Amino acid sequence: MTQDVIALTPQMPDTRTLLAGLLAGGPDLLVNRAGDGSVAQLCTAAGQALVSLEAPRYVQVPGEVARLVGPDVRAESPVWWTEARATSSVEGAARLAGSVAGRLVTVHGGGRFTGYPPSDENWIP
């Protein structure tokens, strides 16, 4: 099972910001690639994936964000949708995914969605 955190930003997240978010996990963690390079994973030294960060997707259809995550999420299209998925088998991984998404939002603006069911409590502008 995974715990997802979605960053919705008006600008496409750049590689430097994505990597800075991942590397904020600390010097003992490694960054690996998966999915033919479309996914960056933050892993332990033993290779266990803690957070998987998917390539940003451009969402330009009006109402699509609300359709996908619920009407309480107030994000106007077009936005860049970047998903950070944390494993639920390691304590602290979800917090790390939230930190990665938070970094993207801090640099590029927008907000982050932290869970299901969709509600105002899960949307952090």
PDB file of N, CA and C in Angstrom:
ATOM      1  N   MET A   1       0.844  -1.178   0.000  1.00  0.00           N
ATOM      2  CA  MET A   1       0.000   0.000   0.000  1.00  0.00           C
ATOM      3  C   MET A   1       0.890   1.243   0.000  1.00  0.00           C
ATOM      4  N   THR A   2       0.420   2.289  -0.639  1.00  0.00           N
ATOM      5  CA  THR A   2       1.176   3.539  -0.667  1.00  0.00           C
ATOM      6  C   THR A   2       0.341   4.665  -0.075  1.00  0.00           C
ATOM      7  N   GLN A   3       1.029   5.720   0.288  1.00  0.00           N
ATOM      8  CA  GLN A   3       0.392   6.952   0.731  1.00  0.00           C
ATOM      9  C   GLN A   3       0.825   8.026  -0.251  1.00  0.00           C
ATOM     10  N   ASP A   4      -0.141   8.640  -0.925  1.00  0.00           N
ATOM     11  CA  ASP A   4       0.167   9.591  -1.986  1.00  0.00           C
ATOM     12  C   ASP A   4       0.064  11.032  -1.504  1.00  0.00           C
ATOM     13  N   VAL A   5       0.977  11.853  -1.989  1.00  0.00           N
ATOM     14  CA  VAL A   5       0.918  13.298  -1.802  1.00  0.00           C
ATOM     15  C   VAL A   5       1.072  13.897  -3.197  1.00  0.00           C
ATOM     16  N   ILE A   6       0.149  14.764  -3.578  1.00  0.00           N
ATOM     17  CA  ILE A   6       0.141  15.336  -4.919  1.00  0.00           C
ATOM     18  C   ILE A   6       0.434  16.825  -4.832  1.00  0.00           C
ATOM     19  N   ALA A   7       1.456  17.262  -5.559  1.00  0.00           N
ATOM     20  CA  ALA A   7       1.759  18.690  -5.672  1.00  0.00           C
ATOM     21  C   ALA A   7       1.117  19.197  -6.957  1.00  0.00           C
ATOM     22  N   LEU A   8       0.337  20.263  -6.847  1.00  0.00           N
ATOM     23  CA  LEU A   8      -0.294  20.895  -8.004  1.00  0.00           C
ATOM     24  C   LEU A   8       0.319  22.282  -8.135  1.00  0.00           C
ATOM     25  N   THR A   9       1.100  22.477  -9.182  1.00  0.00           N
ATOM     26  CA  THR A   9       1.845  23.725  -9.343  1.00  0.00           C
ATOM     27  C   THR A   9       1.525  24.385 -10.682  1.00  0.00           C
ATOM     28  N   PRO A  10       1.543  25.727 -10.727  1.00  0.00           N
ATOM     29  CA  PRO A  10       1.263  26.412 -11.986  1.00  0.00           C
ATOM     30  C   PRO A  10       2.422  26.335 -12.977  1.00  0.00           C
ATOM     31  N   GLN A  11       3.617  26.052 -12.487  1.00  0.00           N
ATOM     32  CA  GLN A  11       4.797  25.912 -13.347  1.00  0.00           C
ATOM     33  C   GLN A  11       5.292  24.474 -13.286  1.00  0.00           C
ATOM     34  N   MET A  12       5.906  24.024 -14.367  1.00  0.00           N
ATOM     35  CA  MET A  12       6.486  22.685 -14.362  1.00  0.00           C
ATOM     36  C   MET A  12       7.663  22.649 -13.387  1.00  0.00           C
ATOM     37  N   PRO A  13       7.654  21.693 -12.445  1.00  0.00           N
ATOM     38  CA  PRO A  13       8.790  21.572 -11.533  1.00  0.00           C
ATOM     39  C   PRO A  13      10.066  21.240 -12.306  1.00  0.00           C
ATOM     40  N   ASP A  14      11.128  21.981 -12.008  1.00  0.00           N
ATOM     41  CA  ASP A  14      12.396  21.734 -12.692  1.00  0.00           C
ATOM     42  C   ASP A  14      13.158  20.610 -11.992  1.00  0.00           C
ATOM     43  N   THR A  15      14.104  20.033 -12.708  1.00  0.00           N
ATOM     44  CA  THR A  15      14.869  18.893 -12.205  1.00  0.00           C
ATOM     45  C   THR A  15      15.596  19.232 -10.916  1.00  0.00           C
ATOM     46  N   ARG A  16      16.167  20.409 -10.839  1.00  0.00           N
ATOM     47  CA  ARG A  16      16.918  20.804  -9.635  1.00  0.00           C
ATOM     48  C   ARG A  16      16.013  20.802  -8.402  1.00  0.00           C
ATOM     49  N   THR A  17      14.811  21.327  -8.536  1.00  0.00           N
ATOM     50  CA  THR A  17      13.883  21.368  -7.401  1.00  0.00           C
ATOM     51  C   THR A  17      13.412  19.968  -7.033  1.00  0.00           C
ATOM     52  N   LEU A  18      13.150  19.136  -8.037  1.00  0.00           N
ATOM     53  CA  LEU A  18      12.744  17.755  -7.770  1.00  0.00           C
ATOM     54  C   LEU A  18      13.832  17.015  -6.997  1.00  0.00           C
ATOM     55  N   LEU A  19      15.068  17.137  -7.446  1.00  0.00           N
ATOM     56  CA  LEU A  19      16.170  16.450  -6.769  1.00  0.00           C
ATOM     57  C   LEU A  19      16.429  17.020  -5.383  1.00  0.00           C
ATOM     58  N   ALA A  20      16.332  18.336  -5.234  1.00  0.00           N
ATOM     59  CA  ALA A  20      16.525  18.946  -3.912  1.00  0.00           C
ATOM     60  C   ALA A  20      15.483  18.421  -2.930  1.00  0.00           C
ATOM     61  N   GLY A  21      14.258  18.266  -3.396  1.00  0.00           N
ATOM     62  CA  GLY A  21      13.217  17.712  -2.541  1.00  0.00           C
ATOM     63  C   GLY A  21      13.529  16.291  -2.118  1.00  0.00           C
ATOM     64  N   LEU A  22      13.999  15.488  -3.055  1.00  0.00           N
ATOM     65  CA  LEU A  22      14.346  14.104  -2.733  1.00  0.00           C
ATOM     66  C   LEU A  22      15.556  14.027  -1.808  1.00  0.00           C
ATOM     67  N   LEU A  23      16.568  14.813  -2.088  1.00  0.00           N
ATOM     68  CA  LEU A  23      17.803  14.745  -1.311  1.00  0.00           C
ATOM     69  C   LEU A  23      17.648  15.325   0.091  1.00  0.00           C
ATOM     70  N   ALA A  24      16.562  16.034   0.345  1.00  0.00           N
ATOM     71  CA  ALA A  24      16.311  16.549   1.693  1.00  0.00           C
ATOM     72  C   ALA A  24      16.071  15.416   2.685  1.00  0.00           C
ATOM     73  N   GLY A  25      15.921  14.205   2.179  1.00  0.00           N
ATOM     74  CA  GLY A  25      15.751  13.041   3.048  1.00  0.00           C
ATOM     75  C   GLY A  25      16.986  12.720   3.862  1.00  0.00           C
ATOM     76  N   GLY A  26      18.114  13.258   3.461  1.00  0.00           N
ATOM     77  CA  GLY A  26      19.339  13.053   4.228  1.00  0.00           C
ATOM     78  C   GLY A  26      20.412  12.342   3.441  1.00  0.00           C
ATOM     79  N   PRO A  27      21.636  12.384   3.955  1.00  0.00           N
ATOM     80  CA  PRO A  27      22.780  11.825   3.227  1.00  0.00           C
ATOM     81  C   PRO A  27      22.822  10.299   3.184  1.00  0.00           C
ATOM     82  N   ASP A  28      22.024   9.643   4.014  1.00  0.00           N
ATOM     83  CA  ASP A  28      22.049   8.181   4.041  1.00  0.00           C
ATOM     84  C   ASP A  28      21.125   7.554   3.008  1.00  0.00           C
ATOM     85  N   LEU A  29      20.358   8.376   2.306  1.00  0.00           N
ATOM     86  CA  LEU A  29      19.413   7.856   1.319  1.00  0.00           C
ATOM     87  C   LEU A  29      19.954   8.056  -0.089  1.00  0.00           C
ATOM     88  N   LEU A  30      19.530   7.192  -0.991  1.00  0.00           N
ATOM     89  CA  LEU A  30      19.994   7.208  -2.378  1.00  0.00           C
ATOM     90  C   LEU A  30      18.835   7.520  -3.312  1.00  0.00           C
ATOM     91  N   VAL A  31      19.141   8.076  -4.477  1.00  0.00           N
ATOM     92  CA  VAL A  31      18.133   8.317  -5.509  1.00  0.00           C
ATOM     93  C   VAL A  31      18.379   7.327  -6.641  1.00  0.00           C
ATOM     94  N   ASN A  32      17.362   6.543  -6.968  1.00  0.00           N
ATOM     95  CA  ASN A  32      17.418   5.578  -8.066  1.00  0.00           C
ATOM     96  C   ASN A  32      16.351   5.925  -9.095  1.00  0.00           C
ATOM     97  N   ARG A  33      16.455   5.312 -10.270  1.00  0.00           N
ATOM     98  CA  ARG A  33      15.451   5.487 -11.325  1.00  0.00           C
ATOM     99  C   ARG A  33      14.643   4.215 -11.477  1.00  0.00           C
ATOM    100  N   ALA A  34      13.400   4.390 -11.903  1.00  0.00           N
ATOM    101  CA  ALA A  34      12.521   3.260 -12.203  1.00  0.00           C
ATOM    102  C   ALA A  34      11.625   3.674 -13.363  1.00  0.00           C
ATOM    103  N   GLY A  35      10.847   2.733 -13.868  1.00  0.00           N
ATOM    104  CA  GLY A  35       9.893   3.050 -14.930  1.00  0.00           C
ATOM    105  C   GLY A  35      10.530   3.663 -16.153  1.00  0.00           C
ATOM    106  N   ASP A  36      11.644   3.088 -16.607  1.00  0.00           N
ATOM    107  CA  ASP A  36      12.367   3.605 -17.774  1.00  0.00           C
ATOM    108  C   ASP A  36      12.737   5.078 -17.616  1.00  0.00           C
ATOM    109  N   GLY A  37      13.030   5.490 -16.376  1.00  0.00           N
ATOM    110  CA  GLY A  37      13.461   6.856 -16.120  1.00  0.00           C
ATOM    111  C   GLY A  37      12.347   7.835 -15.810  1.00  0.00           C
ATOM    112  N   SER A  38      11.091   7.390 -15.831  1.00  0.00           N
ATOM    113  CA  SER A  38       9.980   8.315 -15.566  1.00  0.00           C
ATOM    114  C   SER A  38       9.676   8.455 -14.077  1.00  0.00           C
ATOM    115  N   VAL A  39      10.341   7.649 -13.252  1.00  0.00           N
ATOM    116  CA  VAL A  39      10.127   7.686 -11.808  1.00  0.00           C
ATOM    117  C   VAL A  39      11.480   7.776 -11.115  1.00  0.00           C
ATOM    118  N   ALA A  40      11.594   8.716 -10.177  1.00  0.00           N
ATOM    119  CA  ALA A  40      12.782   8.804  -9.319  1.00  0.00           C
ATOM    120  C   ALA A  40      12.376   8.254  -7.958  1.00  0.00           C
ATOM    121  N   GLN A  41      13.229   7.394  -7.399  1.00  0.00           N
ATOM    122  CA  GLN A  41      12.914   6.796  -6.108  1.00  0.00           C
ATOM    123  C   GLN A  41      13.963   7.165  -5.077  1.00  0.00           C
ATOM    124  N   LEU A  42      13.494   7.531  -3.897  1.00  0.00           N
ATOM    125  CA  LEU A  42      14.365   7.756  -2.762  1.00  0.00           C
ATOM    126  C   LEU A  42      14.425   6.437  -2.009  1.00  0.00           C
ATOM    127  N   CYS A  43      15.635   5.883  -1.877  1.00  0.00           N
ATOM    128  CA  CYS A  43      15.804   4.537  -1.340  1.00  0.00           C
ATOM    129  C   CYS A  43      16.777   4.508  -0.171  1.00  0.00           C
ATOM    130  N   THR A  44      16.635   3.474   0.644  1.00  0.00           N
ATOM    131  CA  THR A  44      17.606   3.219   1.699  1.00  0.00           C
ATOM    132  C   THR A  44      18.873   2.663   1.064  1.00  0.00           C
ATOM    133  N   ALA A  45      19.936   2.565   1.846  1.00  0.00           N
ATOM    134  CA  ALA A  45      21.190   1.993   1.349  1.00  0.00           C
ATOM    135  C   ALA A  45      21.002   0.545   0.912  1.00  0.00           C
ATOM    136  N   ALA A  46      20.010  -0.137   1.496  1.00  0.00           N
ATOM    137  CA  ALA A  46      19.722  -1.524   1.130  1.00  0.00           C
ATOM    138  C   ALA A  46      18.875  -1.627  -0.133  1.00  0.00           C
ATOM    139  N   GLY A  47      18.447  -0.480  -0.681  1.00  0.00           N
ATOM    140  CA  GLY A  47      17.682  -0.483  -1.923  1.00  0.00           C
ATOM    141  C   GLY A  47      16.177  -0.444  -1.764  1.00  0.00           C
ATOM    142  N   GLN A  48      15.663  -0.359  -0.537  1.00  0.00           N
ATOM    143  CA  GLN A  48      14.219  -0.300  -0.338  1.00  0.00           C
ATOM    144  C   GLN A  48      13.702   1.090  -0.698  1.00  0.00           C
ATOM    145  N   ALA A  49      12.734   1.135  -1.599  1.00  0.00           N
ATOM    146  CA  ALA A  49      12.140   2.410  -2.016  1.00  0.00           C
ATOM    147  C   ALA A  49      11.276   2.973  -0.890  1.00  0.00           C
ATOM    148  N   LEU A  50      11.534   4.231  -0.536  1.00  0.00           N
ATOM    149  CA  LEU A  50      10.737   4.926   0.474  1.00  0.00           C
ATOM    150  C   LEU A  50       9.702   5.827  -0.184  1.00  0.00           C
ATOM    151  N   VAL A  51      10.159   6.610  -1.169  1.00  0.00           N
ATOM    152  CA  VAL A  51       9.292   7.544  -1.886  1.00  0.00           C
ATOM    153  C   VAL A  51       9.571   7.419  -3.376  1.00  0.00           C
ATOM    154  N   SER A  52       8.520   7.318  -4.162  1.00  0.00           N
ATOM    155  CA  SER A  52       8.638   7.322  -5.618  1.00  0.00           C
ATOM    156  C   SER A  52       8.023   8.614  -6.130  1.00  0.00           C
ATOM    157  N   LEU A  53       8.770   9.328  -6.938  1.00  0.00           N
ATOM    158  CA  LEU A  53       8.327  10.608  -7.481  1.00  0.00           C
ATOM    159  C   LEU A  53       8.148  10.447  -8.982  1.00  0.00           C
ATOM    160  N   GLU A  54       6.898  10.556  -9.430  1.00  0.00           N
ATOM    161  CA  GLU A  54       6.599  10.384 -10.850  1.00  0.00           C
ATOM    162  C   GLU A  54       6.884  11.659 -11.620  1.00  0.00           C
ATOM    163  N   ALA A  55       7.119  11.511 -12.907  1.00  0.00           N
ATOM    164  CA  ALA A  55       7.323  12.673 -13.772  1.00  0.00           C
ATOM    165  C   ALA A  55       6.073  13.552 -13.726  1.00  0.00           C
ATOM    166  N   PRO A  56       6.240  14.870 -13.682  1.00  0.00           N
ATOM    167  CA  PRO A  56       5.081  15.772 -13.648  1.00  0.00           C
ATOM    168  C   PRO A  56       4.199  15.599 -14.887  1.00  0.00           C
ATOM    169  N   ARG A  57       2.884  15.703 -14.672  1.00  0.00           N
ATOM    170  CA  ARG A  57       1.915  15.630 -15.770  1.00  0.00           C
ATOM    171  C   ARG A  57       1.187  16.965 -15.878  1.00  0.00           C
ATOM    172  N   TYR A  58       0.999  17.413 -17.096  1.00  0.00           N
ATOM    173  CA  TYR A  58       0.313  18.683 -17.342  1.00  0.00           C
ATOM    174  C   TYR A  58      -1.183  18.420 -17.444  1.00  0.00           C
ATOM    175  N   VAL A  59      -1.966  19.011 -16.561  1.00  0.00           N
ATOM    176  CA  VAL A  59      -3.419  18.851 -16.554  1.00  0.00           C
ATOM    177  C   VAL A  59      -4.025  20.172 -17.010  1.00  0.00           C
ATOM    178  N   GLN A  60      -4.629  20.156 -18.195  1.00  0.00           N
ATOM    179  CA  GLN A  60      -5.160  21.398 -18.733  1.00  0.00           C
ATOM    180  C   GLN A  60      -6.669  21.396 -18.944  1.00  0.00           C
ATOM    181  N   VAL A  61      -7.322  20.284 -18.723  1.00  0.00           N
ATOM    182  CA  VAL A  61      -8.770  20.211 -18.911  1.00  0.00           C
ATOM    183  C   VAL A  61      -9.467  20.838 -17.701  1.00  0.00           C
ATOM    184  N   PRO A  62     -10.320  21.845 -17.909  1.00  0.00           N
ATOM    185  CA  PRO A  62     -11.037  22.463 -16.789  1.00  0.00           C
ATOM    186  C   PRO A  62     -11.839  21.420 -16.006  1.00  0.00           C
ATOM    187  N   GLY A  63     -11.734  21.464 -14.681  1.00  0.00           N
ATOM    188  CA  GLY A  63     -12.478  20.542 -13.827  1.00  0.00           C
ATOM    189  C   GLY A  63     -11.831  19.188 -13.632  1.00  0.00           C
ATOM    190  N   GLU A  64     -10.747  18.893 -14.316  1.00  0.00           N
ATOM    191  CA  GLU A  64     -10.132  17.566 -14.235  1.00  0.00           C
ATOM    192  C   GLU A  64      -9.552  17.287 -12.848  1.00  0.00           C
ATOM    193  N   VAL A  65      -8.919  18.270 -12.229  1.00  0.00           N
ATOM    194  CA  VAL A  65      -8.360  18.059 -10.887  1.00  0.00           C
ATOM    195  C   VAL A  65      -9.483  17.739  -9.906  1.00  0.00           C
ATOM    196  N   ALA A  66     -10.568  18.491  -9.953  1.00  0.00           N
ATOM    197  CA  ALA A  66     -11.705  18.233  -9.065  1.00  0.00           C
ATOM    198  C   ALA A  66     -12.300  16.856  -9.332  1.00  0.00           C
ATOM    199  N   ARG A  67     -12.346  16.441 -10.579  1.00  0.00           N
ATOM    200  CA  ARG A  67     -12.874  15.115 -10.908  1.00  0.00           C
ATOM    201  C   ARG A  67     -12.000  14.018 -10.315  1.00  0.00           C
ATOM    202  N   LEU A  68     -10.690  14.214 -10.346  1.00  0.00           N
ATOM    203  CA  LEU A  68      -9.767  13.183  -9.882  1.00  0.00           C
ATOM    204  C   LEU A  68      -9.652  13.101  -8.365  1.00  0.00           C
ATOM    205  N   VAL A  69      -9.663  14.246  -7.695  1.00  0.00           N
ATOM    206  CA  VAL A  69      -9.436  14.215  -6.246  1.00  0.00           C
ATOM    207  C   VAL A  69     -10.576  14.803  -5.425  1.00  0.00           C
ATOM    208  N   GLY A  70     -11.595  15.351  -6.067  1.00  0.00           N
ATOM    209  CA  GLY A  70     -12.751  15.846  -5.334  1.00  0.00           C
ATOM    210  C   GLY A  70     -12.923  17.350  -5.435  1.00  0.00           C
ATOM    211  N   PRO A  71     -14.150  17.806  -5.239  1.00  0.00           N
ATOM    212  CA  PRO A  71     -14.474  19.220  -5.430  1.00  0.00           C
ATOM    213  C   PRO A  71     -13.873  20.151  -4.374  1.00  0.00           C
ATOM    214  N   ASP A  72     -13.432  19.618  -3.240  1.00  0.00           N
ATOM    215  CA  ASP A  72     -12.865  20.470  -2.190  1.00  0.00           C
ATOM    216  C   ASP A  72     -11.464  20.958  -2.516  1.00  0.00           C
ATOM    217  N   VAL A  73     -10.817  20.330  -3.486  1.00  0.00           N
ATOM    218  CA  VAL A  73      -9.476  20.760  -3.882  1.00  0.00           C
ATOM    219  C   VAL A  73      -9.627  21.901  -4.876  1.00  0.00           C
ATOM    220  N   ARG A  74      -9.166  23.061  -4.465  1.00  0.00           N
ATOM    221  CA  ARG A  74      -9.350  24.267  -5.275  1.00  0.00           C
ATOM    222  C   ARG A  74      -8.098  24.540  -6.103  1.00  0.00           C
ATOM    223  N   ALA A  75      -8.004  23.892  -7.232  1.00  0.00           N
ATOM    224  CA  ALA A  75      -6.872  24.104  -8.136  1.00  0.00           C
ATOM    225  C   ALA A  75      -7.429  24.328  -9.533  1.00  0.00           C
ATOM    226  N   GLU A  76      -7.091  25.444 -10.105  1.00  0.00           N
ATOM    227  CA  GLU A  76      -7.570  25.781 -11.438  1.00  0.00           C
ATOM    228  C   GLU A  76      -6.613  25.241 -12.497  1.00  0.00           C
ATOM    229  N   SER A  77      -7.165  24.651 -13.527  1.00  0.00           N
ATOM    230  CA  SER A  77      -6.351  24.186 -14.648  1.00  0.00           C
ATOM    231  C   SER A  77      -5.926  25.393 -15.458  1.00  0.00           C
ATOM    232  N   PRO A  78      -4.812  25.358 -16.104  1.00  0.00           N
ATOM    233  CA  PRO A  78      -3.873  24.243 -16.168  1.00  0.00           C
ATOM    234  C   PRO A  78      -2.924  24.234 -14.962  1.00  0.00           C
ATOM    235  N   VAL A  79      -2.547  23.029 -14.549  1.00  0.00           N
ATOM    236  CA  VAL A  79      -1.579  22.838 -13.470  1.00  0.00           C
ATOM    237  C   VAL A  79      -0.668  21.666 -13.814  1.00  0.00           C
ATOM    238  N   TRP A  80       0.450  21.621 -13.142  1.00  0.00           N
ATOM    239  CA  TRP A  80       1.343  20.461 -13.218  1.00  0.00           C
ATOM    240  C   TRP A  80       1.056  19.584 -12.013  1.00  0.00           C
ATOM    241  N   TRP A  81       0.788  18.320 -12.271  1.00  0.00           N
ATOM    242  CA  TRP A  81       0.429  17.323 -11.252  1.00  0.00           C
ATOM    243  C   TRP A  81       1.665  16.457 -11.039  1.00  0.00           C
ATOM    244  N   THR A  82       2.236  16.513  -9.837  1.00  0.00           N
ATOM    245  CA  THR A  82       3.413  15.703  -9.517  1.00  0.00           C
ATOM    246  C   THR A  82       3.084  14.858  -8.298  1.00  0.00           C
ATOM    247  N   GLU A  83       3.181  13.537  -8.446  1.00  0.00           N
ATOM    248  CA  GLU A  83       2.810  12.618  -7.381  1.00  0.00           C
ATOM    249  C   GLU A  83       4.028  12.055  -6.677  1.00  0.00           C
ATOM    250  N   ALA A  84       4.009  12.137  -5.350  1.00  0.00           N
ATOM    251  CA  ALA A  84       5.027  11.499  -4.515  1.00  0.00           C
ATOM    252  C   ALA A  84       4.322  10.377  -3.762  1.00  0.00           C
ATOM    253  N   ARG A  85       4.773   9.145  -3.975  1.00  0.00           N
ATOM    254  CA  ARG A  85       4.141   7.980  -3.343  1.00  0.00           C
ATOM    255  C   ARG A  85       5.084   7.390  -2.311  1.00  0.00           C
ATOM    256  N   ALA A  86       4.597   7.301  -1.092  1.00  0.00           N
ATOM    257  CA  ALA A  86       5.406   6.764   0.000  1.00  0.00           C
ATOM    258  C   ALA A  86       4.954   5.351   0.338  1.00  0.00           C
ATOM    259  N   THR A  87       5.910   4.507   0.638  1.00  0.00           N
ATOM    260  CA  THR A  87       5.559   3.178   1.112  1.00  0.00           C
ATOM    261  C   THR A  87       4.955   3.302   2.503  1.00  0.00           C
ATOM    262  N   SER A  88       3.969   2.479   2.793  1.00  0.00           N
ATOM    263  CA  SER A  88       3.370   2.505   4.129  1.00  0.00           C
ATOM    264  C   SER A  88       4.090   1.545   5.071  1.00  0.00           C
ATOM    265  N   SER A  89       5.086   0.827   4.564  1.00  0.00           N
ATOM    266  CA  SER A  89       5.782  -0.160   5.390  1.00  0.00           C
ATOM    267  C   SER A  89       6.958   0.420   6.172  1.00  0.00           C
ATOM    268  N   VAL A  90       7.284   1.689   5.940  1.00  0.00           N
ATOM    269  CA  VAL A  90       8.398   2.318   6.650  1.00  0.00           C
ATOM    270  C   VAL A  90       7.900   3.586   7.334  1.00  0.00           C
ATOM    271  N   GLU A  91       8.074   3.646   8.643  1.00  0.00           N
ATOM    272  CA  GLU A  91       7.653   4.820   9.400  1.00  0.00           C
ATOM    273  C   GLU A  91       8.412   6.054   8.918  1.00  0.00           C
ATOM    274  N   GLY A  92       7.698   7.130   8.718  1.00  0.00           N
ATOM    275  CA  GLY A  92       8.311   8.382   8.291  1.00  0.00           C
ATOM    276  C   GLY A  92       8.344   8.585   6.790  1.00  0.00           C
ATOM    277  N   ALA A  93       8.037   7.559   6.009  1.00  0.00           N
ATOM    278  CA  ALA A  93       8.088   7.694   4.549  1.00  0.00           C
ATOM    279  C   ALA A  93       7.019   8.669   4.050  1.00  0.00           C
ATOM    280  N   ALA A  94       5.825   8.632   4.634  1.00  0.00           N
ATOM    281  CA  ALA A  94       4.757   9.550   4.215  1.00  0.00           C
ATOM    282  C   ALA A  94       5.139  10.997   4.522  1.00  0.00           C
ATOM    283  N   ARG A  95       5.781  11.219   5.650  1.00  0.00           N
ATOM    284  CA  ARG A  95       6.232  12.567   6.001  1.00  0.00           C
ATOM    285  C   ARG A  95       7.266  13.055   4.992  1.00  0.00           C
ATOM    286  N   LEU A  96       8.123  12.148   4.548  1.00  0.00           N
ATOM    287  CA  LEU A  96       9.137  12.479   3.552  1.00  0.00           C
ATOM    288  C   LEU A  96       8.485  12.830   2.211  1.00  0.00           C
ATOM    289  N   ALA A  97       7.463  12.080   1.807  1.00  0.00           N
ATOM    290  CA  ALA A  97       6.736  12.395   0.568  1.00  0.00           C
ATOM    291  C   ALA A  97       6.082  13.769   0.677  1.00  0.00           C
ATOM    292  N   GLY A  98       5.530  14.079   1.845  1.00  0.00           N
ATOM    293  CA  GLY A  98       4.940  15.393   2.066  1.00  0.00           C
ATOM    294  C   GLY A  98       5.967  16.506   1.978  1.00  0.00           C
ATOM    295  N   SER A  99       7.170  16.222   2.447  1.00  0.00           N
ATOM    296  CA  SER A  99       8.253  17.200   2.380  1.00  0.00           C
ATOM    297  C   SER A  99       8.673  17.461   0.937  1.00  0.00           C
ATOM    298  N   VAL A 100       8.758  16.397   0.150  1.00  0.00           N
ATOM    299  CA  VAL A 100       9.127  16.540  -1.266  1.00  0.00           C
ATOM    300  C   VAL A 100       8.082  17.388  -1.990  1.00  0.00           C
ATOM    301  N   ALA A 101       6.805  17.057  -1.808  1.00  0.00           N
ATOM    302  CA  ALA A 101       5.730  17.821  -2.456  1.00  0.00           C
ATOM    303  C   ALA A 101       5.696  19.256  -1.937  1.00  0.00           C
ATOM    304  N   GLY A 102       5.943  19.428  -0.660  1.00  0.00           N
ATOM    305  CA  GLY A 102       5.972  20.765  -0.078  1.00  0.00           C
ATOM    306  C   GLY A 102       7.071  21.628  -0.672  1.00  0.00           C
ATOM    307  N   ARG A 103       8.210  21.015  -0.955  1.00  0.00           N
ATOM    308  CA  ARG A 103       9.315  21.749  -1.585  1.00  0.00           C
ATOM    309  C   ARG A 103       8.892  22.254  -2.965  1.00  0.00           C
ATOM    310  N   LEU A 104       8.221  21.404  -3.746  1.00  0.00           N
ATOM    311  CA  LEU A 104       7.765  21.807  -5.078  1.00  0.00           C
ATOM    312  C   LEU A 104       6.808  22.992  -4.986  1.00  0.00           C
ATOM    313  N   VAL A 105       5.890  22.940  -4.035  1.00  0.00           N
ATOM    314  CA  VAL A 105       4.900  24.006  -3.872  1.00  0.00           C
ATOM    315  C   VAL A 105       5.561  25.287  -3.364  1.00  0.00           C
ATOM    316  N   THR A 106       6.538  25.162  -2.482  1.00  0.00           N
ATOM    317  CA  THR A 106       7.241  26.341  -1.971  1.00  0.00           C
ATOM    318  C   THR A 106       7.965  27.072  -3.097  1.00  0.00           C
ATOM    319  N   VAL A 107       8.600  26.326  -3.983  1.00  0.00           N
ATOM    320  CA  VAL A 107       9.375  26.929  -5.070  1.00  0.00           C
ATOM    321  C   VAL A 107       8.483  27.404  -6.213  1.00  0.00           C
ATOM    322  N   HIS A 108       7.478  26.615  -6.577  1.00  0.00           N
ATOM    323  CA  HIS A 108       6.697  26.891  -7.786  1.00  0.00           C
ATOM    324  C   HIS A 108       5.287  27.416  -7.533  1.00  0.00           C
ATOM    325  N   GLY A 109       4.858  27.494  -6.281  1.00  0.00           N
ATOM    326  CA  GLY A 109       3.503  27.938  -5.984  1.00  0.00           C
ATOM    327  C   GLY A 109       2.517  26.786  -6.099  1.00  0.00           C
ATOM    328  N   GLY A 110       1.257  27.064  -5.852  1.00  0.00           N
ATOM    329  CA  GLY A 110       0.219  26.048  -5.945  1.00  0.00           C
ATOM    330  C   GLY A 110      -0.147  25.500  -4.584  1.00  0.00           C
ATOM    331  N   GLY A 111      -0.436  24.215  -4.526  1.00  0.00           N
ATOM    332  CA  GLY A 111      -0.825  23.570  -3.279  1.00  0.00           C
ATOM    333  C   GLY A 111      -0.564  22.087  -3.353  1.00  0.00           C
ATOM    334  N   ARG A 112      -0.792  21.417  -2.222  1.00  0.00           N
ATOM    335  CA  ARG A 112      -0.607  19.968  -2.223  1.00  0.00           C
ATOM    336  C   ARG A 112      -1.807  19.288  -1.598  1.00  0.00           C
ATOM    337  N   PHE A 113      -2.089  18.119  -2.100  1.00  0.00           N
ATOM    338  CA  PHE A 113      -3.205  17.297  -1.671  1.00  0.00           C
ATOM    339  C   PHE A 113      -2.606  16.096  -0.961  1.00  0.00           C
ATOM    340  N   THR A 114      -3.049  15.855   0.283  1.00  0.00           N
ATOM    341  CA  THR A 114      -2.365  14.855   1.095  1.00  0.00           C
ATOM    342  C   THR A 114      -3.121  13.573   1.358  1.00  0.00           C
ATOM    343  N   GLY A 115      -4.292  13.390   0.824  1.00  0.00           N
ATOM    344  CA  GLY A 115      -4.918  12.113   1.110  1.00  0.00           C
ATOM    345  C   GLY A 115      -6.365  11.996   0.722  1.00  0.00           C
ATOM    346  N   TYR A 116      -6.877  10.827   0.984  1.00  0.00           N
ATOM    347  CA  TYR A 116      -8.253  10.478   0.678  1.00  0.00           C
ATOM    348  C   TYR A 116      -8.967  10.181   1.981  1.00  0.00           C
ATOM    349  N   PRO A 117     -10.232  10.436   2.104  1.00  0.00           N
ATOM    350  CA  PRO A 117     -11.095  11.018   1.085  1.00  0.00           C
ATOM    351  C   PRO A 117     -10.810  12.500   0.908  1.00  0.00           C
ATOM    352  N   PRO A 118     -11.101  13.046  -0.272  1.00  0.00           N
ATOM    353  CA  PRO A 118     -10.865  14.464  -0.510  1.00  0.00           C
ATOM    354  C   PRO A 118     -11.644  15.323   0.485  1.00  0.00           C
ATOM    355  N   SER A 119     -10.981  16.307   1.034  1.00  0.00           N
ATOM    356  CA  SER A 119     -11.637  17.243   1.948  1.00  0.00           C
ATOM    357  C   SER A 119     -10.779  18.486   2.069  1.00  0.00           C
ATOM    358  N   ASP A 120     -11.354  19.528   2.644  1.00  0.00           N
ATOM    359  CA  ASP A 120     -10.589  20.753   2.879  1.00  0.00           C
ATOM    360  C   ASP A 120      -9.375  20.483   3.751  1.00  0.00           C
ATOM    361  N   GLU A 121      -9.477  19.528   4.671  1.00  0.00           N
ATOM    362  CA  GLU A 121      -8.374  19.222   5.578  1.00  0.00           C
ATOM    363  C   GLU A 121      -7.174  18.626   4.846  1.00  0.00           C
ATOM    364  N   ASN A 122      -7.401  18.016   3.701  1.00  0.00           N
ATOM    365  CA  ASN A 122      -6.322  17.369   2.957  1.00  0.00           C
ATOM    366  C   ASN A 122      -5.711  18.256   1.886  1.00  0.00           C
ATOM    367  N   TRP A 123      -6.240  19.468   1.706  1.00  0.00           N
ATOM    368  CA  TRP A 123      -5.722  20.400   0.698  1.00  0.00           C
ATOM    369  C   TRP A 123      -4.936  21.485   1.407  1.00  0.00           C
ATOM    370  N   ILE A 124      -3.660  21.623   1.070  1.00  0.00           N
ATOM    371  CA  ILE A 124      -2.786  22.603   1.710  1.00  0.00           C
ATOM    372  C   ILE A 124      -2.316  23.579   0.648  1.00  0.00           C
ATOM    373  N   PRO A 125      -2.909  24.792   0.611  1.00  0.00           N
ATOM    374  CA  PRO A 125      -2.485  25.770  -0.398  1.00  0.00           C
ATOM    375  C   PRO A 125      -1.128  26.361  -0.068  1.00  0.00           C
TER     376      PRO A 125
END
